[in-house]
Amino acid sequence: MKLILENWRKYLDEKQSPEQKLAAIEKEKEAFLQRLKVKLVKSINFDELFKRLEIMPGGKQQHSMRVGGHVAGTGDPDVILGALMHDYVERGGDIDELVRSGLISEPVKDIILFLSSTDEEVAKYAGENEPLDHMIHVFKELDNQDLKNKLVLIKISDRVDNLNRRAGGHKPLSGNYLAKSRNLINFLRTNYKGDIKHVDGILSALHPLAQQGLSGNTNETPT
């Protein structure tokens, strides 16, 4: 499934000219940085982090920046960096090099690793709703509630962007995907023990069609 999705992203990327790709990425960079507090922009080497993200297709880079932007309101640098780099390991990035270079801390490394999964790992525990099954699997291994809270914020932000892309016509916003998204978000929200305004703030960024779909009824059986 991951291979199919990756091929689809590459196909969409190839429909743009190199200039269009670069312009789109630069636009997302600027939007992401604009949402951050000035002190965070000054204290984190985002230029180097953006360079590391270049191992990904342009669309995936933009996704990473939007997910990072969704959690900007938390003001938590660990959450923001974890969100920005949440797909880095799964796309072949060397996370230890990020630590050695001083671009992220060990706690951020842990966040990114907990958000990452290999096909082999997924095969051991995942059913029809892989993202939900992955988070259930991760949370069973964790006692640190603060870390769980950070993972919840990032994972919800990731799903919000995926839903928004579908609502905008990038891919079908099917009843099946909405049902799986509803179950994932409900699980994450239930396991969040921090200031709920941060979760609500992220969810407020949902496209109206996605909001309507999540609040409606589907014929899907919960996973």
N, C-alpha and C. Protein backbone atom coordinates (compact mmCIF):
# COMPACT_ATOMS: atom_id res chain seq x y z
N MET A 1 0.82 -1.21 0.00
CA MET A 1 0.00 0.00 0.00
C MET A 1 0.86 1.27 0.00
N LYS A 2 1.92 1.28 0.83
CA LYS A 2 2.80 2.44 0.86
C LYS A 2 3.44 2.68 -0.50
N LEU A 3 3.79 1.60 -1.20
CA LEU A 3 4.40 1.72 -2.52
C LEU A 3 3.43 2.31 -3.52
N ILE A 4 2.17 1.89 -3.45
CA ILE A 4 1.14 2.41 -4.34
C ILE A 4 0.96 3.91 -4.12
N LEU A 5 0.89 4.32 -2.85
CA LEU A 5 0.72 5.74 -2.54
C LEU A 5 1.92 6.55 -2.98
N GLU A 6 3.12 5.99 -2.79
CA GLU A 6 4.33 6.71 -3.18
C GLU A 6 4.38 6.89 -4.70
N ASN A 7 3.99 5.86 -5.45
CA ASN A 7 3.96 5.97 -6.91
C ASN A 7 2.95 7.02 -7.37
N TRP A 8 1.83 7.11 -6.64
CA TRP A 8 0.81 8.11 -6.96
C TRP A 8 1.35 9.52 -6.73
N ARG A 9 2.07 9.69 -5.62
CA ARG A 9 2.65 11.01 -5.33
C ARG A 9 3.67 11.38 -6.41
N LYS A 10 4.49 10.41 -6.82
CA LYS A 10 5.48 10.68 -7.85
C LYS A 10 4.81 11.07 -9.16
N TYR A 11 3.70 10.39 -9.48
CA TYR A 11 2.97 10.71 -10.70
C TYR A 11 2.46 12.16 -10.66
N LEU A 12 1.90 12.57 -9.53
CA LEU A 12 1.41 13.94 -9.40
C LEU A 12 2.55 14.95 -9.49
N ASP A 13 3.68 14.60 -8.89
CA ASP A 13 4.85 15.48 -8.95
C ASP A 13 5.32 15.67 -10.39
N GLU A 14 5.28 14.59 -11.17
CA GLU A 14 5.78 14.64 -12.54
C GLU A 14 4.91 15.50 -13.45
N LYS A 15 3.67 15.78 -13.04
CA LYS A 15 2.78 16.61 -13.83
C LYS A 15 3.16 18.08 -13.74
N GLN A 16 4.00 18.44 -12.76
CA GLN A 16 4.43 19.82 -12.61
C GLN A 16 5.79 20.02 -13.26
N SER A 17 6.03 21.22 -13.73
CA SER A 17 7.36 21.56 -14.24
C SER A 17 8.30 21.74 -13.05
N PRO A 18 9.62 21.66 -13.28
CA PRO A 18 10.57 21.88 -12.18
C PRO A 18 10.37 23.23 -11.51
N GLU A 19 10.05 24.25 -12.28
CA GLU A 19 9.84 25.57 -11.72
C GLU A 19 8.60 25.60 -10.83
N GLN A 20 7.54 24.91 -11.27
CA GLN A 20 6.31 24.86 -10.48
C GLN A 20 6.53 24.10 -9.18
N LYS A 21 7.30 23.02 -9.24
CA LYS A 21 7.60 22.25 -8.04
C LYS A 21 8.34 23.10 -7.03
N LEU A 22 9.37 23.79 -7.51
CA LEU A 22 10.19 24.61 -6.62
C LEU A 22 9.37 25.73 -6.01
N ALA A 23 8.54 26.37 -6.81
CA ALA A 23 7.71 27.47 -6.33
C ALA A 23 6.72 26.98 -5.26
N ALA A 24 6.15 25.80 -5.49
CA ALA A 24 5.19 25.25 -4.53
C ALA A 24 5.86 24.92 -3.20
N ILE A 25 7.07 24.37 -3.27
CA ILE A 25 7.80 24.04 -2.05
C ILE A 25 8.18 25.31 -1.29
N GLU A 26 8.66 26.32 -2.02
CA GLU A 26 9.05 27.58 -1.38
C GLU A 26 7.84 28.25 -0.73
N LYS A 27 6.69 28.13 -1.36
CA LYS A 27 5.47 28.70 -0.80
C LYS A 27 5.12 28.04 0.52
N GLU A 28 5.25 26.71 0.59
CA GLU A 28 4.95 25.99 1.83
C GLU A 28 5.98 26.31 2.91
N LYS A 29 7.25 26.47 2.53
CA LYS A 29 8.28 26.86 3.50
C LYS A 29 7.91 28.18 4.16
N GLU A 30 7.55 29.15 3.33
CA GLU A 30 7.22 30.48 3.84
C GLU A 30 5.98 30.43 4.74
N ALA A 31 4.98 29.66 4.33
CA ALA A 31 3.76 29.54 5.13
C ALA A 31 4.06 28.89 6.47
N PHE A 32 4.91 27.88 6.46
CA PHE A 32 5.30 27.19 7.70
C PHE A 32 6.03 28.14 8.64
N LEU A 33 7.03 28.85 8.13
CA LEU A 33 7.82 29.75 8.97
C LEU A 33 6.99 30.91 9.50
N GLN A 34 6.03 31.36 8.72
CA GLN A 34 5.17 32.46 9.15
C GLN A 34 4.32 32.08 10.36
N ARG A 35 4.05 30.80 10.52
CA ARG A 35 3.20 30.35 11.62
C ARG A 35 3.98 30.16 12.92
N LEU A 36 5.29 30.19 12.84
CA LEU A 36 6.11 29.98 14.02
C LEU A 36 6.41 31.29 14.73
N LYS A 37 6.66 31.17 16.03
CA LYS A 37 7.12 32.33 16.78
C LYS A 37 8.54 32.67 16.34
N VAL A 38 8.87 33.94 16.36
CA VAL A 38 10.17 34.40 15.88
C VAL A 38 11.31 33.71 16.60
N LYS A 39 11.17 33.50 17.90
CA LYS A 39 12.26 32.89 18.67
C LYS A 39 12.54 31.46 18.21
N LEU A 40 11.51 30.76 17.76
CA LEU A 40 11.71 29.40 17.26
C LEU A 40 12.43 29.43 15.92
N VAL A 41 12.06 30.36 15.07
CA VAL A 41 12.71 30.46 13.76
C VAL A 41 14.19 30.76 13.93
N LYS A 42 14.51 31.59 14.92
CA LYS A 42 15.90 31.97 15.15
C LYS A 42 16.72 30.87 15.83
N SER A 43 16.05 30.03 16.61
CA SER A 43 16.79 29.04 17.41
C SER A 43 16.95 27.69 16.72
N ILE A 44 16.25 27.47 15.62
CA ILE A 44 16.29 26.19 14.91
C ILE A 44 16.81 26.40 13.49
N ASN A 45 17.68 25.54 13.04
CA ASN A 45 18.27 25.67 11.71
C ASN A 45 17.33 25.04 10.67
N PHE A 46 16.28 25.76 10.34
CA PHE A 46 15.29 25.22 9.41
C PHE A 46 15.86 25.10 8.00
N ASP A 47 16.79 25.96 7.61
CA ASP A 47 17.37 25.87 6.27
C ASP A 47 17.99 24.49 6.05
N GLU A 48 18.72 24.00 7.04
CA GLU A 48 19.35 22.69 6.91
C GLU A 48 18.31 21.57 6.97
N LEU A 49 17.30 21.73 7.78
CA LEU A 49 16.24 20.73 7.85
C LEU A 49 15.49 20.65 6.52
N PHE A 50 15.22 21.79 5.91
CA PHE A 50 14.56 21.80 4.60
C PHE A 50 15.43 21.07 3.57
N LYS A 51 16.74 21.24 3.66
CA LYS A 51 17.63 20.54 2.73
C LYS A 51 17.53 19.03 2.92
N ARG A 52 17.41 18.58 4.16
CA ARG A 52 17.30 17.14 4.43
C ARG A 52 16.00 16.59 3.85
N LEU A 53 14.96 17.41 3.84
CA LEU A 53 13.67 16.96 3.32
C LEU A 53 13.69 16.79 1.80
N GLU A 54 14.74 17.27 1.15
CA GLU A 54 14.81 17.17 -0.30
C GLU A 54 14.97 15.74 -0.81
N ILE A 55 15.18 14.78 0.11
CA ILE A 55 15.21 13.38 -0.32
C ILE A 55 13.81 12.90 -0.71
N MET A 56 12.80 13.68 -0.35
CA MET A 56 11.41 13.31 -0.61
C MET A 56 10.91 13.98 -1.89
N PRO A 57 9.86 13.41 -2.51
CA PRO A 57 9.20 14.11 -3.62
C PRO A 57 8.66 15.45 -3.14
N GLY A 58 8.51 16.40 -4.07
CA GLY A 58 8.07 17.74 -3.71
C GLY A 58 6.77 17.76 -2.93
N GLY A 59 5.81 16.94 -3.35
CA GLY A 59 4.53 16.90 -2.66
C GLY A 59 4.65 16.46 -1.22
N LYS A 60 5.57 15.53 -0.98
CA LYS A 60 5.77 15.04 0.37
C LYS A 60 6.47 16.08 1.24
N GLN A 61 7.37 16.85 0.62
CA GLN A 61 8.00 17.95 1.35
C GLN A 61 6.94 18.96 1.79
N GLN A 62 6.05 19.29 0.88
CA GLN A 62 4.99 20.26 1.21
C GLN A 62 4.09 19.72 2.32
N HIS A 63 3.77 18.44 2.25
CA HIS A 63 2.96 17.81 3.29
C HIS A 63 3.63 17.96 4.64
N SER A 64 4.94 17.69 4.71
CA SER A 64 5.67 17.78 5.96
C SER A 64 5.61 19.18 6.54
N MET A 65 5.72 20.18 5.69
CA MET A 65 5.68 21.56 6.15
C MET A 65 4.29 21.95 6.63
N ARG A 66 3.26 21.45 5.95
CA ARG A 66 1.90 21.75 6.41
C ARG A 66 1.61 21.09 7.75
N VAL A 67 2.06 19.86 7.92
CA VAL A 67 1.86 19.17 9.19
C VAL A 67 2.60 19.93 10.31
N GLY A 68 3.81 20.40 10.01
CA GLY A 68 4.54 21.21 10.98
C GLY A 68 3.80 22.50 11.29
N GLY A 69 3.20 23.10 10.28
CA GLY A 69 2.44 24.33 10.49
C GLY A 69 1.22 24.13 11.35
N HIS A 70 0.57 22.98 11.23
CA HIS A 70 -0.63 22.72 12.02
C HIS A 70 -0.34 22.67 13.52
N VAL A 71 0.87 22.26 13.89
CA VAL A 71 1.20 22.17 15.32
C VAL A 71 1.95 23.40 15.81
N ALA A 72 2.14 24.40 14.94
CA ALA A 72 2.91 25.58 15.33
C ALA A 72 2.30 26.28 16.54
N GLY A 73 0.99 26.22 16.65
CA GLY A 73 0.30 26.89 17.76
C GLY A 73 0.63 26.32 19.12
N THR A 74 1.16 25.12 19.17
CA THR A 74 1.52 24.53 20.47
C THR A 74 2.73 25.24 21.08
N GLY A 75 3.57 25.82 20.23
CA GLY A 75 4.78 26.48 20.72
C GLY A 75 5.82 25.52 21.23
N ASP A 76 5.61 24.22 21.04
CA ASP A 76 6.53 23.19 21.53
C ASP A 76 7.51 22.83 20.42
N PRO A 77 8.79 23.18 20.56
CA PRO A 77 9.74 22.89 19.48
C PRO A 77 9.89 21.41 19.18
N ASP A 78 9.77 20.55 20.19
CA ASP A 78 9.85 19.11 19.94
C ASP A 78 8.72 18.64 19.04
N VAL A 79 7.52 19.13 19.31
CA VAL A 79 6.36 18.76 18.50
C VAL A 79 6.50 19.30 17.08
N ILE A 80 6.95 20.54 16.95
CA ILE A 80 7.09 21.15 15.64
C ILE A 80 8.13 20.43 14.80
N LEU A 81 9.28 20.12 15.40
CA LEU A 81 10.33 19.41 14.67
C LEU A 81 9.91 17.98 14.36
N GLY A 82 9.24 17.33 15.31
CA GLY A 82 8.77 15.98 15.06
C GLY A 82 7.77 15.94 13.92
N ALA A 83 6.91 16.95 13.86
CA ALA A 83 5.92 17.03 12.79
C ALA A 83 6.59 17.28 11.44
N LEU A 84 7.53 18.22 11.42
CA LEU A 84 8.21 18.55 10.18
C LEU A 84 8.96 17.36 9.60
N MET A 85 9.55 16.54 10.47
CA MET A 85 10.39 15.43 10.02
C MET A 85 9.71 14.07 10.21
N HIS A 86 8.40 14.05 10.37
CA HIS A 86 7.72 12.80 10.77
C HIS A 86 7.83 11.68 9.73
N ASP A 87 8.03 12.03 8.46
CA ASP A 87 8.14 11.02 7.41
C ASP A 87 9.59 10.76 6.99
N TYR A 88 10.53 11.41 7.64
CA TYR A 88 11.92 11.40 7.19
C TYR A 88 12.52 10.00 7.20
N VAL A 89 12.31 9.27 8.27
CA VAL A 89 12.90 7.93 8.38
C VAL A 89 12.28 6.98 7.36
N GLU A 90 10.97 7.05 7.20
CA GLU A 90 10.29 6.16 6.25
C GLU A 90 10.67 6.44 4.80
N ARG A 91 11.24 7.62 4.55
CA ARG A 91 11.69 7.94 3.19
C ARG A 91 13.20 7.77 3.04
N GLY A 92 13.82 7.07 4.00
CA GLY A 92 15.23 6.73 3.89
C GLY A 92 16.19 7.71 4.52
N GLY A 93 15.69 8.67 5.29
CA GLY A 93 16.55 9.65 5.93
C GLY A 93 17.34 9.08 7.10
N ASP A 94 18.52 9.62 7.32
CA ASP A 94 19.40 9.19 8.40
C ASP A 94 19.14 10.06 9.62
N ILE A 95 18.33 9.57 10.53
CA ILE A 95 17.94 10.37 11.68
C ILE A 95 19.10 10.58 12.65
N ASP A 96 20.02 9.63 12.72
CA ASP A 96 21.18 9.80 13.60
C ASP A 96 22.07 10.94 13.10
N GLU A 97 22.10 11.15 11.78
CA GLU A 97 22.87 12.27 11.23
C GLU A 97 22.25 13.59 11.65
N LEU A 98 20.93 13.64 11.76
CA LEU A 98 20.28 14.87 12.22
C LEU A 98 20.69 15.19 13.65
N VAL A 99 20.79 14.14 14.48
CA VAL A 99 21.21 14.35 15.87
C VAL A 99 22.67 14.78 15.92
N ARG A 100 23.52 14.08 15.18
CA ARG A 100 24.95 14.42 15.17
C ARG A 100 25.19 15.85 14.70
N SER A 101 24.37 16.30 13.77
CA SER A 101 24.52 17.65 13.23
C SER A 101 23.90 18.71 14.13
N GLY A 102 23.26 18.28 15.20
CA GLY A 102 22.64 19.23 16.12
C GLY A 102 21.34 19.81 15.61
N LEU A 103 20.76 19.19 14.59
CA LEU A 103 19.52 19.71 14.02
C LEU A 103 18.30 19.31 14.84
N ILE A 104 18.37 18.15 15.49
CA ILE A 104 17.30 17.72 16.39
C ILE A 104 17.94 17.12 17.63
N SER A 105 17.14 16.99 18.68
CA SER A 105 17.60 16.39 19.93
C SER A 105 17.23 14.91 19.98
N GLU A 106 17.75 14.22 20.97
CA GLU A 106 17.39 12.81 21.15
C GLU A 106 15.89 12.64 21.42
N PRO A 107 15.25 13.51 22.23
CA PRO A 107 13.80 13.38 22.40
C PRO A 107 13.02 13.52 21.09
N VAL A 108 13.47 14.42 20.21
CA VAL A 108 12.79 14.56 18.91
C VAL A 108 13.02 13.32 18.06
N LYS A 109 14.23 12.77 18.14
CA LYS A 109 14.51 11.52 17.44
C LYS A 109 13.54 10.43 17.88
N ASP A 110 13.29 10.33 19.18
CA ASP A 110 12.35 9.32 19.69
C ASP A 110 10.96 9.55 19.11
N ILE A 111 10.53 10.80 19.07
CA ILE A 111 9.21 11.12 18.52
C ILE A 111 9.10 10.63 17.08
N ILE A 112 10.11 10.95 16.28
CA ILE A 112 10.08 10.58 14.86
C ILE A 112 10.08 9.06 14.70
N LEU A 113 10.87 8.37 15.50
CA LEU A 113 10.94 6.91 15.40
C LEU A 113 9.62 6.26 15.80
N PHE A 114 8.96 6.81 16.82
CA PHE A 114 7.67 6.25 17.22
C PHE A 114 6.60 6.49 16.16
N LEU A 115 6.77 7.51 15.34
CA LEU A 115 5.82 7.79 14.28
C LEU A 115 6.13 7.02 13.00
N SER A 116 7.27 6.35 12.97
CA SER A 116 7.71 5.64 11.77
C SER A 116 7.46 4.15 11.90
N SER A 117 7.25 3.51 10.78
CA SER A 117 7.05 2.06 10.77
C SER A 117 7.53 1.49 9.45
N THR A 118 8.02 0.27 9.50
CA THR A 118 8.43 -0.43 8.29
C THR A 118 7.29 -1.35 7.85
N ASP A 119 7.35 -1.79 6.60
CA ASP A 119 6.33 -2.73 6.11
C ASP A 119 6.36 -4.02 6.92
N GLU A 120 7.56 -4.42 7.35
CA GLU A 120 7.68 -5.65 8.13
C GLU A 120 7.00 -5.51 9.49
N GLU A 121 7.19 -4.35 10.12
CA GLU A 121 6.54 -4.11 11.41
C GLU A 121 5.03 -4.07 11.27
N VAL A 122 4.57 -3.37 10.23
CA VAL A 122 3.13 -3.25 10.01
C VAL A 122 2.50 -4.62 9.81
N ALA A 123 3.18 -5.49 9.10
CA ALA A 123 2.65 -6.82 8.82
C ALA A 123 2.40 -7.63 10.09
N LYS A 124 3.12 -7.29 11.14
CA LYS A 124 3.00 -8.05 12.40
C LYS A 124 1.75 -7.68 13.19
N TYR A 125 1.26 -6.44 13.04
CA TYR A 125 0.17 -6.03 13.93
C TYR A 125 -0.97 -5.29 13.23
N ALA A 126 -0.80 -4.87 12.00
CA ALA A 126 -1.79 -3.99 11.38
C ALA A 126 -2.90 -4.77 10.69
N GLY A 127 -4.11 -4.20 10.79
CA GLY A 127 -5.26 -4.73 10.08
C GLY A 127 -5.66 -3.79 8.96
N GLU A 128 -6.95 -3.47 8.88
CA GLU A 128 -7.45 -2.62 7.81
C GLU A 128 -7.16 -1.14 8.03
N ASN A 129 -6.85 -0.77 9.26
CA ASN A 129 -6.61 0.65 9.57
C ASN A 129 -5.19 0.78 10.12
N GLU A 130 -4.20 0.74 9.23
CA GLU A 130 -2.80 0.69 9.63
C GLU A 130 -2.37 1.84 10.53
N PRO A 131 -2.73 3.11 10.23
CA PRO A 131 -2.31 4.20 11.12
C PRO A 131 -2.83 4.04 12.55
N LEU A 132 -4.09 3.63 12.67
CA LEU A 132 -4.66 3.41 14.00
C LEU A 132 -3.97 2.24 14.69
N ASP A 133 -3.80 1.14 13.97
CA ASP A 133 -3.16 -0.03 14.55
C ASP A 133 -1.73 0.27 14.98
N HIS A 134 -1.06 1.11 14.20
CA HIS A 134 0.31 1.49 14.55
C HIS A 134 0.34 2.29 15.85
N MET A 135 -0.57 3.25 16.00
CA MET A 135 -0.58 4.05 17.21
C MET A 135 -1.00 3.23 18.43
N ILE A 136 -1.92 2.31 18.26
CA ILE A 136 -2.29 1.41 19.37
C ILE A 136 -1.08 0.61 19.80
N HIS A 137 -0.35 0.10 18.82
CA HIS A 137 0.85 -0.69 19.08
C HIS A 137 1.90 0.16 19.82
N VAL A 138 2.10 1.38 19.38
CA VAL A 138 3.08 2.27 20.01
C VAL A 138 2.67 2.61 21.43
N PHE A 139 1.41 2.95 21.62
CA PHE A 139 0.96 3.39 22.94
C PHE A 139 1.01 2.26 23.97
N LYS A 140 0.90 1.02 23.51
CA LYS A 140 1.03 -0.10 24.44
C LYS A 140 2.43 -0.19 25.02
N GLU A 141 3.41 0.33 24.27
CA GLU A 141 4.81 0.26 24.69
C GLU A 141 5.23 1.48 25.51
N LEU A 142 4.37 2.48 25.59
CA LEU A 142 4.76 3.75 26.22
C LEU A 142 4.06 3.97 27.56
N ASP A 143 4.83 4.44 28.54
CA ASP A 143 4.27 4.88 29.81
C ASP A 143 4.37 6.40 29.96
N ASN A 144 5.17 7.04 29.11
CA ASN A 144 5.42 8.47 29.20
C ASN A 144 4.25 9.24 28.58
N GLN A 145 3.39 9.83 29.42
CA GLN A 145 2.21 10.52 28.92
C GLN A 145 2.57 11.78 28.14
N ASP A 146 3.61 12.47 28.55
CA ASP A 146 4.02 13.67 27.82
C ASP A 146 4.41 13.33 26.39
N LEU A 147 5.12 12.22 26.21
CA LEU A 147 5.49 11.78 24.88
C LEU A 147 4.26 11.36 24.09
N LYS A 148 3.32 10.68 24.72
CA LYS A 148 2.08 10.31 24.05
C LYS A 148 1.35 11.56 23.55
N ASN A 149 1.31 12.60 24.39
CA ASN A 149 0.63 13.83 23.99
C ASN A 149 1.26 14.43 22.74
N LYS A 150 2.58 14.42 22.68
CA LYS A 150 3.28 14.97 21.52
C LYS A 150 2.95 14.15 20.26
N LEU A 151 2.94 12.83 20.41
CA LEU A 151 2.63 11.97 19.27
C LEU A 151 1.20 12.19 18.79
N VAL A 152 0.28 12.38 19.73
CA VAL A 152 -1.12 12.62 19.37
C VAL A 152 -1.24 13.87 18.51
N LEU A 153 -0.61 14.95 18.93
CA LEU A 153 -0.72 16.21 18.21
C LEU A 153 -0.19 16.09 16.78
N ILE A 154 0.93 15.40 16.64
CA ILE A 154 1.53 15.25 15.31
C ILE A 154 0.69 14.33 14.43
N LYS A 155 0.24 13.23 14.99
CA LYS A 155 -0.52 12.27 14.19
C LYS A 155 -1.87 12.85 13.76
N ILE A 156 -2.51 13.62 14.63
CA ILE A 156 -3.76 14.27 14.24
C ILE A 156 -3.49 15.29 13.13
N SER A 157 -2.39 16.03 13.26
CA SER A 157 -2.04 17.01 12.23
C SER A 157 -1.79 16.34 10.89
N ASP A 158 -1.13 15.20 10.92
CA ASP A 158 -0.86 14.43 9.72
C ASP A 158 -2.17 14.01 9.05
N ARG A 159 -3.11 13.53 9.86
CA ARG A 159 -4.39 13.09 9.29
C ARG A 159 -5.21 14.27 8.79
N VAL A 160 -5.15 15.40 9.49
CA VAL A 160 -5.87 16.59 9.03
C VAL A 160 -5.39 17.00 7.64
N ASP A 161 -4.09 16.99 7.43
CA ASP A 161 -3.58 17.38 6.11
C ASP A 161 -4.00 16.36 5.05
N ASN A 162 -3.95 15.09 5.38
CA ASN A 162 -4.38 14.06 4.42
C ASN A 162 -5.85 14.22 4.06
N LEU A 163 -6.68 14.50 5.07
CA LEU A 163 -8.10 14.71 4.83
C LEU A 163 -8.33 15.95 3.96
N ASN A 164 -7.59 17.01 4.27
CA ASN A 164 -7.75 18.25 3.51
C ASN A 164 -7.36 18.07 2.04
N ARG A 165 -6.31 17.29 1.81
CA ARG A 165 -5.89 17.04 0.44
C ARG A 165 -6.96 16.28 -0.33
N ARG A 166 -7.57 15.32 0.33
CA ARG A 166 -8.64 14.56 -0.31
C ARG A 166 -9.87 15.44 -0.55
N ALA A 167 -10.19 16.26 0.45
CA ALA A 167 -11.35 17.15 0.32
C ALA A 167 -11.13 18.16 -0.81
N GLY A 168 -9.87 18.48 -1.06
CA GLY A 168 -9.56 19.41 -2.14
C GLY A 168 -9.45 18.76 -3.50
N GLY A 169 -9.72 17.47 -3.59
CA GLY A 169 -9.74 16.77 -4.87
C GLY A 169 -8.48 16.02 -5.21
N HIS A 170 -7.51 15.98 -4.29
CA HIS A 170 -6.26 15.28 -4.56
C HIS A 170 -6.50 13.79 -4.76
N LYS A 171 -7.38 13.22 -3.93
CA LYS A 171 -7.79 11.82 -4.02
C LYS A 171 -9.22 11.75 -3.50
N PRO A 172 -9.92 10.65 -3.74
CA PRO A 172 -11.31 10.56 -3.27
C PRO A 172 -11.41 10.61 -1.74
N LEU A 173 -12.40 11.36 -1.25
CA LEU A 173 -12.69 11.40 0.18
C LEU A 173 -13.81 10.39 0.42
N SER A 174 -13.43 9.12 0.48
CA SER A 174 -14.41 8.04 0.55
C SER A 174 -14.96 7.85 1.95
N GLY A 175 -16.10 7.17 2.03
CA GLY A 175 -16.68 6.84 3.32
C GLY A 175 -15.76 5.95 4.13
N ASN A 176 -15.05 5.06 3.45
CA ASN A 176 -14.12 4.16 4.12
C ASN A 176 -12.99 4.96 4.78
N TYR A 177 -12.43 5.92 4.04
CA TYR A 177 -11.33 6.71 4.58
C TYR A 177 -11.82 7.59 5.73
N LEU A 178 -13.02 8.14 5.59
CA LEU A 178 -13.58 8.96 6.67
C LEU A 178 -13.81 8.13 7.93
N ALA A 179 -14.32 6.91 7.77
CA ALA A 179 -14.55 6.05 8.94
C ALA A 179 -13.24 5.71 9.64
N LYS A 180 -12.22 5.39 8.86
CA LYS A 180 -10.92 5.09 9.46
C LYS A 180 -10.33 6.32 10.14
N SER A 181 -10.52 7.47 9.52
CA SER A 181 -10.01 8.71 10.09
C SER A 181 -10.73 9.04 11.39
N ARG A 182 -12.03 8.84 11.41
CA ARG A 182 -12.81 9.10 12.62
C ARG A 182 -12.33 8.21 13.77
N ASN A 183 -12.10 6.94 13.48
CA ASN A 183 -11.64 6.03 14.52
C ASN A 183 -10.25 6.39 15.01
N LEU A 184 -9.37 6.78 14.08
CA LEU A 184 -8.02 7.18 14.46
C LEU A 184 -8.05 8.43 15.33
N ILE A 185 -8.79 9.45 14.91
CA ILE A 185 -8.84 10.70 15.66
C ILE A 185 -9.48 10.49 17.03
N ASN A 186 -10.54 9.67 17.10
CA ASN A 186 -11.16 9.40 18.39
C ASN A 186 -10.20 8.71 19.35
N PHE A 187 -9.43 7.76 18.83
CA PHE A 187 -8.44 7.07 19.67
C PHE A 187 -7.39 8.05 20.17
N LEU A 188 -6.89 8.88 19.28
CA LEU A 188 -5.85 9.83 19.66
C LEU A 188 -6.37 10.85 20.67
N ARG A 189 -7.55 11.35 20.42
CA ARG A 189 -8.13 12.35 21.32
C ARG A 189 -8.36 11.76 22.72
N THR A 190 -8.82 10.53 22.75
CA THR A 190 -9.06 9.86 24.04
C THR A 190 -7.77 9.69 24.83
N ASN A 191 -6.68 9.47 24.13
CA ASN A 191 -5.39 9.23 24.79
C ASN A 191 -4.58 10.50 25.03
N TYR A 192 -5.17 11.65 24.70
CA TYR A 192 -4.48 12.92 24.93
C TYR A 192 -4.86 13.48 26.30
N LYS A 193 -3.88 13.79 27.11
CA LYS A 193 -4.12 14.26 28.47
C LYS A 193 -3.58 15.67 28.70
N GLY A 194 -3.29 16.38 27.62
CA GLY A 194 -2.78 17.74 27.75
C GLY A 194 -3.89 18.76 27.58
N ASP A 195 -3.51 19.98 27.22
CA ASP A 195 -4.46 21.07 27.00
C ASP A 195 -5.22 20.80 25.71
N ILE A 196 -6.51 20.49 25.84
CA ILE A 196 -7.30 20.06 24.69
C ILE A 196 -7.43 21.16 23.63
N LYS A 197 -7.14 22.41 23.99
CA LYS A 197 -7.23 23.49 23.01
C LYS A 197 -6.26 23.26 21.85
N HIS A 198 -5.14 22.58 22.13
CA HIS A 198 -4.18 22.32 21.05
C HIS A 198 -4.76 21.33 20.04
N VAL A 199 -5.45 20.30 20.53
CA VAL A 199 -6.10 19.34 19.63
C VAL A 199 -7.20 20.03 18.84
N ASP A 200 -8.04 20.81 19.54
CA ASP A 200 -9.14 21.49 18.86
C ASP A 200 -8.62 22.50 17.84
N GLY A 201 -7.51 23.15 18.16
CA GLY A 201 -6.93 24.10 17.22
C GLY A 201 -6.49 23.43 15.93
N ILE A 202 -5.91 22.25 16.05
CA ILE A 202 -5.49 21.50 14.86
C ILE A 202 -6.70 21.05 14.05
N LEU A 203 -7.71 20.52 14.74
CA LEU A 203 -8.89 20.03 14.05
C LEU A 203 -9.69 21.16 13.40
N SER A 204 -9.54 22.37 13.92
CA SER A 204 -10.26 23.51 13.33
C SER A 204 -9.76 23.83 11.92
N ALA A 205 -8.58 23.29 11.56
CA ALA A 205 -8.02 23.51 10.23
C ALA A 205 -8.59 22.56 9.18
N LEU A 206 -9.49 21.67 9.59
CA LEU A 206 -10.08 20.73 8.65
C LEU A 206 -10.91 21.44 7.58
N HIS A 207 -10.79 20.95 6.36
CA HIS A 207 -11.63 21.43 5.25
C HIS A 207 -13.10 21.17 5.61
N PRO A 208 -14.01 22.09 5.27
CA PRO A 208 -15.44 21.90 5.59
C PRO A 208 -16.00 20.55 5.13
N LEU A 209 -15.58 20.08 3.96
CA LEU A 209 -16.07 18.78 3.48
C LEU A 209 -15.58 17.65 4.37
N ALA A 210 -14.34 17.76 4.86
CA ALA A 210 -13.81 16.74 5.76
C ALA A 210 -14.52 16.80 7.10
N GLN A 211 -14.78 18.01 7.60
CA GLN A 211 -15.52 18.16 8.85
C GLN A 211 -16.89 17.54 8.76
N GLN A 212 -17.58 17.81 7.65
CA GLN A 212 -18.91 17.25 7.44
C GLN A 212 -18.85 15.73 7.37
N GLY A 213 -17.87 15.21 6.66
CA GLY A 213 -17.74 13.76 6.52
C GLY A 213 -17.44 13.08 7.84
N LEU A 214 -16.60 13.68 8.65
CA LEU A 214 -16.25 13.08 9.94
C LEU A 214 -17.41 13.10 10.91
N SER A 215 -18.27 14.08 10.80
CA SER A 215 -19.40 14.18 11.71
C SER A 215 -20.61 13.39 11.25
N GLY A 216 -20.57 12.92 9.99
CA GLY A 216 -21.71 12.18 9.45
C GLY A 216 -21.62 10.70 9.75
N ASN A 217 -22.57 9.96 9.22
CA ASN A 217 -22.61 8.51 9.40
C ASN A 217 -22.13 7.81 8.14
N THR A 218 -21.42 6.72 8.31
CA THR A 218 -21.01 5.90 7.17
C THR A 218 -21.44 4.47 7.43
N ASN A 219 -21.34 3.66 6.41
CA ASN A 219 -21.69 2.25 6.55
C ASN A 219 -20.48 1.39 6.90
N GLU A 220 -19.35 2.07 7.21
CA GLU A 220 -18.14 1.32 7.51
C GLU A 220 -18.18 0.75 8.90
N THR A 221 -17.63 -0.41 9.06
CA THR A 221 -17.49 -1.03 10.38
C THR A 221 -16.22 -0.53 11.03
N PRO A 222 -16.30 0.02 12.26
CA PRO A 222 -15.11 0.53 12.93
C PRO A 222 -14.03 -0.53 13.03
N THR A 223 -12.78 -0.11 12.81
CA THR A 223 -11.66 -1.03 12.91
C THR A 223 -11.24 -1.22 14.35
